[in-house]
Structures are given as structure tokens and as C-alpha cells.
């Protein structure tokens, strides 16, 4: 008789150990330690994304709008960029960027004005409302992130930061390619 675990209830996810055991059953040469790490990272990232999206919904902005606000803040004072530069930084087409900016101008998050020094150039600038939304999202995220890492001590945070940084560098430098 083959004793198998019942399938999880619809809408529930296997815990990581059960998921890795299923992988090993179907693909015996899989490294369970690697799969545990990667599956855990994937779940953490997904759940963080859901939490951040909920926070942005409370603020009345989308994650796409937040990305534009972030790009303007990261650009530094006076928090302005051309639409082409914004599109490039966000990996968007100019048309997609124009659509996003149109919505954000209507919502009072950014302004769009002609550059007085070069009338051909358009400048997208962060409004006070846009900066306030970005700052509040950062405050909310900081609370969530501190709660998320409450069981990870300062030394462990340093180690974790270093390990994740090395993994990210390997992916971003093209050292890891899915087959």
C-alpha cells in the first residue's frame, strides 16, 4: 500500500518542507537545502509584495506610481526628470511612461511642464503631495520590515545582507541563467 499525503486543501500552500519533499519524490537528485532556500526566498518576496501593495492601496497609489515617485526621489532635489529618462530608469516604453505620467498628473502626484531653458524638453517634477505619499509609504514599509526582521539580530542581518547581495550580484551580472 502506498501511503501518500492528501493533497492540500484548495487555496492552501504546502509548507516548505512538504514542497521540497514533493520535489525530491519527483526529481530525486534535487538538492533539498538549495530548494528550501530558494523556495523560502520566493515566498518571502511574494508575501512582501502583497504587503507593500496593501500599504500602497491604503495610500491611494499603485506600485507603478510608487516606482515613478521613487525614481524622482532617487534623482535628488529638485526631484525632476525628463519622461524619456524616467522611462529608461523604469524599463518602460515612452508610450507606457506617457500614460503613467498622465494619470499621475491628474492625481496631483507629479507635474509636467516645458523646460523654460529648452522649450522642446518636458520636465516631470514631484509634487508635495507625491513626496508626502512616497514618505508615508516608506514609513509604513519601515514598520513592516522591522517586524519582518524582528527575530534576526544585528550580526545575522549583516550576514544575511551580504549573502543576498552576493546572490543578487551573480544574477544581475549574468552569472546565473535559467536553462
C-alpha atoms as a PDB file:
ATOM      1  CA  UNK A   1       0.000   0.000   0.000  1.00  0.00           C
ATOM      2  CA  UNK A   2       1.381   3.401  -0.986  1.00  0.00           C
ATOM      3  CA  UNK A   3       0.815   5.928   1.822  1.00  0.00           C
ATOM      4  CA  UNK A   4       0.595   9.368   0.276  1.00  0.00           C
ATOM      5  CA  UNK A   5      -0.200  12.598   1.959  1.00  0.00           C
ATOM      6  CA  UNK A   6      -3.544  14.007   0.934  1.00  0.00           C
ATOM      7  CA  UNK A   7      -3.369  16.939  -1.444  1.00  0.00           C
ATOM      8  CA  UNK A   8      -3.562  20.293   0.312  1.00  0.00           C
ATOM      9  CA  UNK A   9      -6.934  21.956   0.546  1.00  0.00           C
ATOM     10  CA  UNK A  10      -7.750  24.166  -2.376  1.00  0.00           C
ATOM     11  CA  UNK A  11      -6.241  27.581  -1.802  1.00  0.00           C
ATOM     12  CA  UNK A  12      -3.649  26.441   0.721  1.00  0.00           C
ATOM     13  CA  UNK A  13       0.032  26.154   0.050  1.00  0.00           C
ATOM     14  CA  UNK A  14       2.258  23.293   1.159  1.00  0.00           C
ATOM     15  CA  UNK A  15       4.761  24.242   3.800  1.00  0.00           C
ATOM     16  CA  UNK A  16       8.315  24.440   2.501  1.00  0.00           C
ATOM     17  CA  UNK A  17       9.383  21.037   3.856  1.00  0.00           C
ATOM     18  CA  UNK A  18       6.379  19.329   2.217  1.00  0.00           C
ATOM     19  CA  UNK A  19       7.034  21.137  -1.058  1.00  0.00           C
ATOM     20  CA  UNK A  20      10.696  20.115  -1.071  1.00  0.00           C
ATOM     21  CA  UNK A  21       9.737  16.514  -0.232  1.00  0.00           C
ATOM     22  CA  UNK A  22       7.399  16.510  -3.241  1.00  0.00           C
ATOM     23  CA  UNK A  23      10.207  17.859  -5.420  1.00  0.00           C
ATOM     24  CA  UNK A  24      12.535  15.109  -4.182  1.00  0.00           C
ATOM     25  CA  UNK A  25       9.902  12.465  -4.852  1.00  0.00           C
ATOM     26  CA  UNK A  26       9.535  13.608  -8.467  1.00  0.00           C
ATOM     27  CA  UNK A  27      13.139  14.729  -9.064  1.00  0.00           C
ATOM     28  CA  UNK A  28      15.353  12.662  -6.723  1.00  0.00           C
ATOM     29  CA  UNK A  29      18.611  14.476  -7.492  1.00  0.00           C
ATOM     30  CA  UNK A  30      17.318  17.859  -6.371  1.00  0.00           C
ATOM     31  CA  UNK A  31      19.352  19.390  -3.537  1.00  0.00           C
ATOM     32  CA  UNK A  32      16.849  19.812  -0.672  1.00  0.00           C
ATOM     33  CA  UNK A  33      18.904  22.516   1.010  1.00  0.00           C
ATOM     34  CA  UNK A  34      19.066  24.607  -2.166  1.00  0.00           C
ATOM     35  CA  UNK A  35      15.337  24.095  -2.814  1.00  0.00           C
ATOM     36  CA  UNK A  36      14.488  25.077   0.754  1.00  0.00           C
ATOM     37  CA  UNK A  37      16.483  28.301   0.454  1.00  0.00           C
ATOM     38  CA  UNK A  38      15.126  29.223  -2.984  1.00  0.00           C
ATOM     39  CA  UNK A  39      11.524  28.339  -2.112  1.00  0.00           C
ATOM     40  CA  UNK A  40      11.755  30.354   1.102  1.00  0.00           C
ATOM     41  CA  UNK A  41      13.184  33.371  -0.723  1.00  0.00           C
ATOM     42  CA  UNK A  42      10.432  33.134  -3.307  1.00  0.00           C
ATOM     43  CA  UNK A  43       7.693  33.032  -0.681  1.00  0.00           C
ATOM     44  CA  UNK A  44       9.189  35.886   1.311  1.00  0.00           C
ATOM     45  CA  UNK A  45       9.379  38.008  -1.855  1.00  0.00           C
ATOM     46  CA  UNK A  46       5.768  37.206  -2.818  1.00  0.00           C
ATOM     47  CA  UNK A  47       4.415  37.941   0.630  1.00  0.00           C
ATOM     48  CA  UNK A  48       6.408  41.161   0.881  1.00  0.00           C
ATOM     49  CA  UNK A  49       4.982  42.223  -2.479  1.00  0.00           C
ATOM     50  CA  UNK A  50       1.445  41.610  -1.227  1.00  0.00           C
ATOM     51  CA  UNK A  51       2.106  43.565   1.975  1.00  0.00           C
ATOM     52  CA  UNK A  52       3.603  46.526   0.091  1.00  0.00           C
ATOM     53  CA  UNK A  53       0.695  46.532  -2.375  1.00  0.00           C
ATOM     54  CA  UNK A  54      -1.781  46.675   0.505  1.00  0.00           C
ATOM     55  CA  UNK A  55       0.075  49.607   2.036  1.00  0.00           C
ATOM     56  CA  UNK A  56       0.067  51.489  -1.258  1.00  0.00           C
ATOM     57  CA  UNK A  57      -3.652  50.812  -1.674  1.00  0.00           C
ATOM     58  CA  UNK A  58      -4.241  52.464   1.708  1.00  0.00           C
ATOM     59  CA  UNK A  59      -2.349  55.496   0.377  1.00  0.00           C
ATOM     60  CA  UNK A  60      -4.352  55.524  -2.851  1.00  0.00           C
ATOM     61  CA  UNK A  61      -1.429  54.860  -5.188  1.00  0.00           C
ATOM     62  CA  UNK A  62      -0.343  51.902  -7.278  1.00  0.00           C
ATOM     63  CA  UNK A  63       3.018  50.184  -7.219  1.00  0.00           C
ATOM     64  CA  UNK A  64       3.607  51.540 -10.749  1.00  0.00           C
ATOM     65  CA  UNK A  65       3.032  55.075  -9.471  1.00  0.00           C
ATOM     66  CA  UNK A  66       5.271  54.412  -6.483  1.00  0.00           C
ATOM     67  CA  UNK A  67       8.077  53.409  -8.859  1.00  0.00           C
ATOM     68  CA  UNK A  68       7.830  56.799 -10.598  1.00  0.00           C
ATOM     69  CA  UNK A  69       7.801  58.624  -7.252  1.00  0.00           C
ATOM     70  CA  UNK A  70      10.848  56.610  -6.158  1.00  0.00           C
ATOM     71  CA  UNK A  71      12.736  57.414  -9.371  1.00  0.00           C
ATOM     72  CA  UNK A  72      12.104  61.125  -8.849  1.00  0.00           C
ATOM     73  CA  UNK A  73      13.151  60.983  -5.189  1.00  0.00           C
ATOM     74  CA  UNK A  74      16.285  58.988  -6.012  1.00  0.00           C
ATOM     75  CA  UNK A  75      17.177  61.589  -8.667  1.00  0.00           C
ATOM     76  CA  UNK A  76      17.510  64.062  -5.791  1.00  0.00           C
ATOM     77  CA  UNK A  77      16.414  67.618  -5.324  1.00  0.00           C
ATOM     78  CA  UNK A  78      14.698  69.258  -7.195  1.00  0.00           C
ATOM     79  CA  UNK A  79      13.099  65.812  -7.898  1.00  0.00           C
ATOM     80  CA  UNK A  80      12.780  66.237 -11.649  1.00  0.00           C
ATOM     81  CA  UNK A  81      13.472  64.086 -14.691  1.00  0.00           C
ATOM     82  CA  UNK A  82      12.502  64.074 -18.316  1.00  0.00           C
ATOM     83  CA  UNK A  83       9.906  61.491 -19.364  1.00  0.00           C
ATOM     84  CA  UNK A  84      12.490  59.681 -21.514  1.00  0.00           C
ATOM     85  CA  UNK A  85      14.882  59.344 -18.578  1.00  0.00           C
ATOM     86  CA  UNK A  86      12.026  58.132 -16.348  1.00  0.00           C
ATOM     87  CA  UNK A  87      11.028  55.534 -18.952  1.00  0.00           C
ATOM     88  CA  UNK A  88      14.638  54.355 -19.235  1.00  0.00           C
ATOM     89  CA  UNK A  89      15.081  54.071 -15.453  1.00  0.00           C
ATOM     90  CA  UNK A  90      11.845  52.094 -15.123  1.00  0.00           C
ATOM     91  CA  UNK A  91      12.341  49.930 -18.195  1.00  0.00           C
ATOM     92  CA  UNK A  92       9.212  51.248 -19.893  1.00  0.00           C
ATOM     93  CA  UNK A  93       8.388  52.330 -23.408  1.00  0.00           C
ATOM     94  CA  UNK A  94       7.871  56.066 -23.906  1.00  0.00           C
ATOM     95  CA  UNK A  95       4.159  55.423 -24.609  1.00  0.00           C
ATOM     96  CA  UNK A  96       3.711  53.484 -21.353  1.00  0.00           C
ATOM     97  CA  UNK A  97       5.547  56.227 -19.470  1.00  0.00           C
ATOM     98  CA  UNK A  98       3.318  58.910 -21.011  1.00  0.00           C
ATOM     99  CA  UNK A  99       0.202  57.010 -19.936  1.00  0.00           C
ATOM    100  CA  UNK A 100       1.530  56.619 -16.395  1.00  0.00           C
ATOM    101  CA  UNK A 101       2.506  60.291 -16.163  1.00  0.00           C
ATOM    102  CA  UNK A 102      -0.926  61.363 -17.469  1.00  0.00           C
ATOM    103  CA  UNK A 103      -2.618  59.525 -14.578  1.00  0.00           C
ATOM    104  CA  UNK A 104      -0.166  60.863 -12.020  1.00  0.00           C
ATOM    105  CA  UNK A 105      -0.586  64.472 -13.188  1.00  0.00           C
ATOM    106  CA  UNK A 106      -4.367  64.060 -12.845  1.00  0.00           C
ATOM    107  CA  UNK A 107      -3.873  62.660  -9.330  1.00  0.00           C
ATOM    108  CA  UNK A 108      -1.599  65.565  -8.354  1.00  0.00           C
ATOM    109  CA  UNK A 109       1.442  63.353  -7.719  1.00  0.00           C
ATOM    110  CA  UNK A 110       3.652  64.961 -10.382  1.00  0.00           C
ATOM    111  CA  UNK A 111       3.657  67.964 -12.686  1.00  0.00           C
ATOM    112  CA  UNK A 112       4.563  68.091 -16.368  1.00  0.00           C
ATOM    113  CA  UNK A 113       5.941  71.367 -17.659  1.00  0.00           C
ATOM    114  CA  UNK A 114       8.067  72.633 -20.520  1.00  0.00           C
ATOM    115  CA  UNK A 115      11.665  73.428 -19.654  1.00  0.00           C
ATOM    116  CA  UNK A 116      11.989  77.222 -19.861  1.00  0.00           C
ATOM    117  CA  UNK A 117      15.612  76.894 -20.973  1.00  0.00           C
ATOM    118  CA  UNK A 118      14.746  74.408 -23.739  1.00  0.00           C
ATOM    119  CA  UNK A 119      11.094  74.631 -24.856  1.00  0.00           C
ATOM    120  CA  UNK A 120      11.326  71.237 -26.598  1.00  0.00           C
ATOM    121  CA  UNK A 121      12.171  69.474 -23.341  1.00  0.00           C
ATOM    122  CA  UNK A 122       9.466  68.388 -20.871  1.00  0.00           C
ATOM    123  CA  UNK A 123      10.179  68.058 -17.168  1.00  0.00           C
ATOM    124  CA  UNK A 124       8.320  65.763 -14.794  1.00  0.00           C
ATOM    125  CA  UNK A 125       8.542  67.001 -11.217  1.00  0.00           C
ATOM    126  CA  UNK A 126       7.446  65.553  -7.914  1.00  0.00           C
ATOM    127  CA  UNK A 127       4.661  67.491  -6.187  1.00  0.00           C
ATOM    128  CA  UNK A 128       4.403  67.984  -2.438  1.00  0.00           C
ATOM    129  CA  UNK A 129       1.514  65.503  -2.460  1.00  0.00           C
ATOM    130  CA  UNK A 130       3.625  62.974  -4.370  1.00  0.00           C
ATOM    131  CA  UNK A 131       6.529  63.370  -1.957  1.00  0.00           C
ATOM    132  CA  UNK A 132       4.177  63.029   1.030  1.00  0.00           C
ATOM    133  CA  UNK A 133       2.764  59.776  -0.399  1.00  0.00           C
ATOM    134  CA  UNK A 134       6.267  58.438  -1.004  1.00  0.00           C
ATOM    135  CA  UNK A 135       7.403  59.363   2.512  1.00  0.00           C
ATOM    136  CA  UNK A 136       4.331  57.795   4.110  1.00  0.00           C
ATOM    137  CA  UNK A 137       4.845  54.606   2.088  1.00  0.00           C
ATOM    138  CA  UNK A 138       8.424  54.497   3.354  1.00  0.00           C
ATOM    139  CA  UNK A 139       7.278  54.952   6.962  1.00  0.00           C
ATOM    140  CA  UNK A 140       4.751  52.135   6.570  1.00  0.00           C
ATOM    141  CA  UNK A 141       7.319  49.882   4.895  1.00  0.00           C
ATOM    142  CA  UNK A 142       9.873  50.558   7.649  1.00  0.00           C
ATOM    143  CA  UNK A 143       7.416  49.359  10.303  1.00  0.00           C
ATOM    144  CA  UNK A 144       6.599  46.228   8.291  1.00  0.00           C
ATOM    145  CA  UNK A 145      10.258  45.497   7.570  1.00  0.00           C
ATOM    146  CA  UNK A 146      11.282  45.913  11.201  1.00  0.00           C
ATOM    147  CA  UNK A 147       8.531  43.464  12.215  1.00  0.00           C
ATOM    148  CA  UNK A 148       9.639  41.081   9.461  1.00  0.00           C
ATOM    149  CA  UNK A 149      13.227  41.078  10.734  1.00  0.00           C
ATOM    150  CA  UNK A 150      12.478  41.198  14.459  1.00  0.00           C
ATOM    151  CA  UNK A 151      13.903  37.705  15.018  1.00  0.00           C
ATOM    152  CA  UNK A 152      17.106  38.443  13.088  1.00  0.00           C
ATOM    153  CA  UNK A 153      19.797  40.044  15.217  1.00  0.00           C
ATOM    154  CA  UNK A 154      22.226  42.750  14.059  1.00  0.00           C
ATOM    155  CA  UNK A 155      25.043  40.317  13.240  1.00  0.00           C
ATOM    156  CA  UNK A 156      22.683  37.978  11.414  1.00  0.00           C
ATOM    157  CA  UNK A 157      21.284  40.927   9.456  1.00  0.00           C
ATOM    158  CA  UNK A 158      24.787  41.766   8.295  1.00  0.00           C
ATOM    159  CA  UNK A 159      25.423  38.176   7.215  1.00  0.00           C
ATOM    160  CA  UNK A 160      22.020  37.903   5.514  1.00  0.00           C
ATOM    161  CA  UNK A 161      22.537  41.219   3.733  1.00  0.00           C
ATOM    162  CA  UNK A 162      25.912  40.088   2.450  1.00  0.00           C
ATOM    163  CA  UNK A 163      24.656  36.703   1.276  1.00  0.00           C
ATOM    164  CA  UNK A 164      21.632  38.139  -0.518  1.00  0.00           C
ATOM    165  CA  UNK A 165      23.801  40.842  -2.055  1.00  0.00           C
ATOM    166  CA  UNK A 166      26.153  38.223  -3.469  1.00  0.00           C
ATOM    167  CA  UNK A 167      23.236  36.245  -4.884  1.00  0.00           C
ATOM    168  CA  UNK A 168      21.757  39.343  -6.482  1.00  0.00           C
ATOM    169  CA  UNK A 169      25.109  40.335  -7.969  1.00  0.00           C
ATOM    170  CA  UNK A 170      25.505  36.879  -9.516  1.00  0.00           C
ATOM    171  CA  UNK A 171      22.068  37.129 -11.156  1.00  0.00           C
ATOM    172  CA  UNK A 172      22.497  40.736 -12.283  1.00  0.00           C
ATOM    173  CA  UNK A 173      25.965  40.083 -13.712  1.00  0.00           C
ATOM    174  CA  UNK A 174      24.561  37.253 -15.806  1.00  0.00           C
ATOM    175  CA  UNK A 175      26.311  34.539 -13.829  1.00  0.00           C
ATOM    176  CA  UNK A 176      23.058  32.632 -13.380  1.00  0.00           C
ATOM    177  CA  UNK A 177      20.897  31.838 -16.373  1.00  0.00           C
ATOM    178  CA  UNK A 178      17.803  29.640 -16.329  1.00  0.00           C
ATOM    179  CA  UNK A 179      18.146  26.903 -18.931  1.00  0.00           C
END
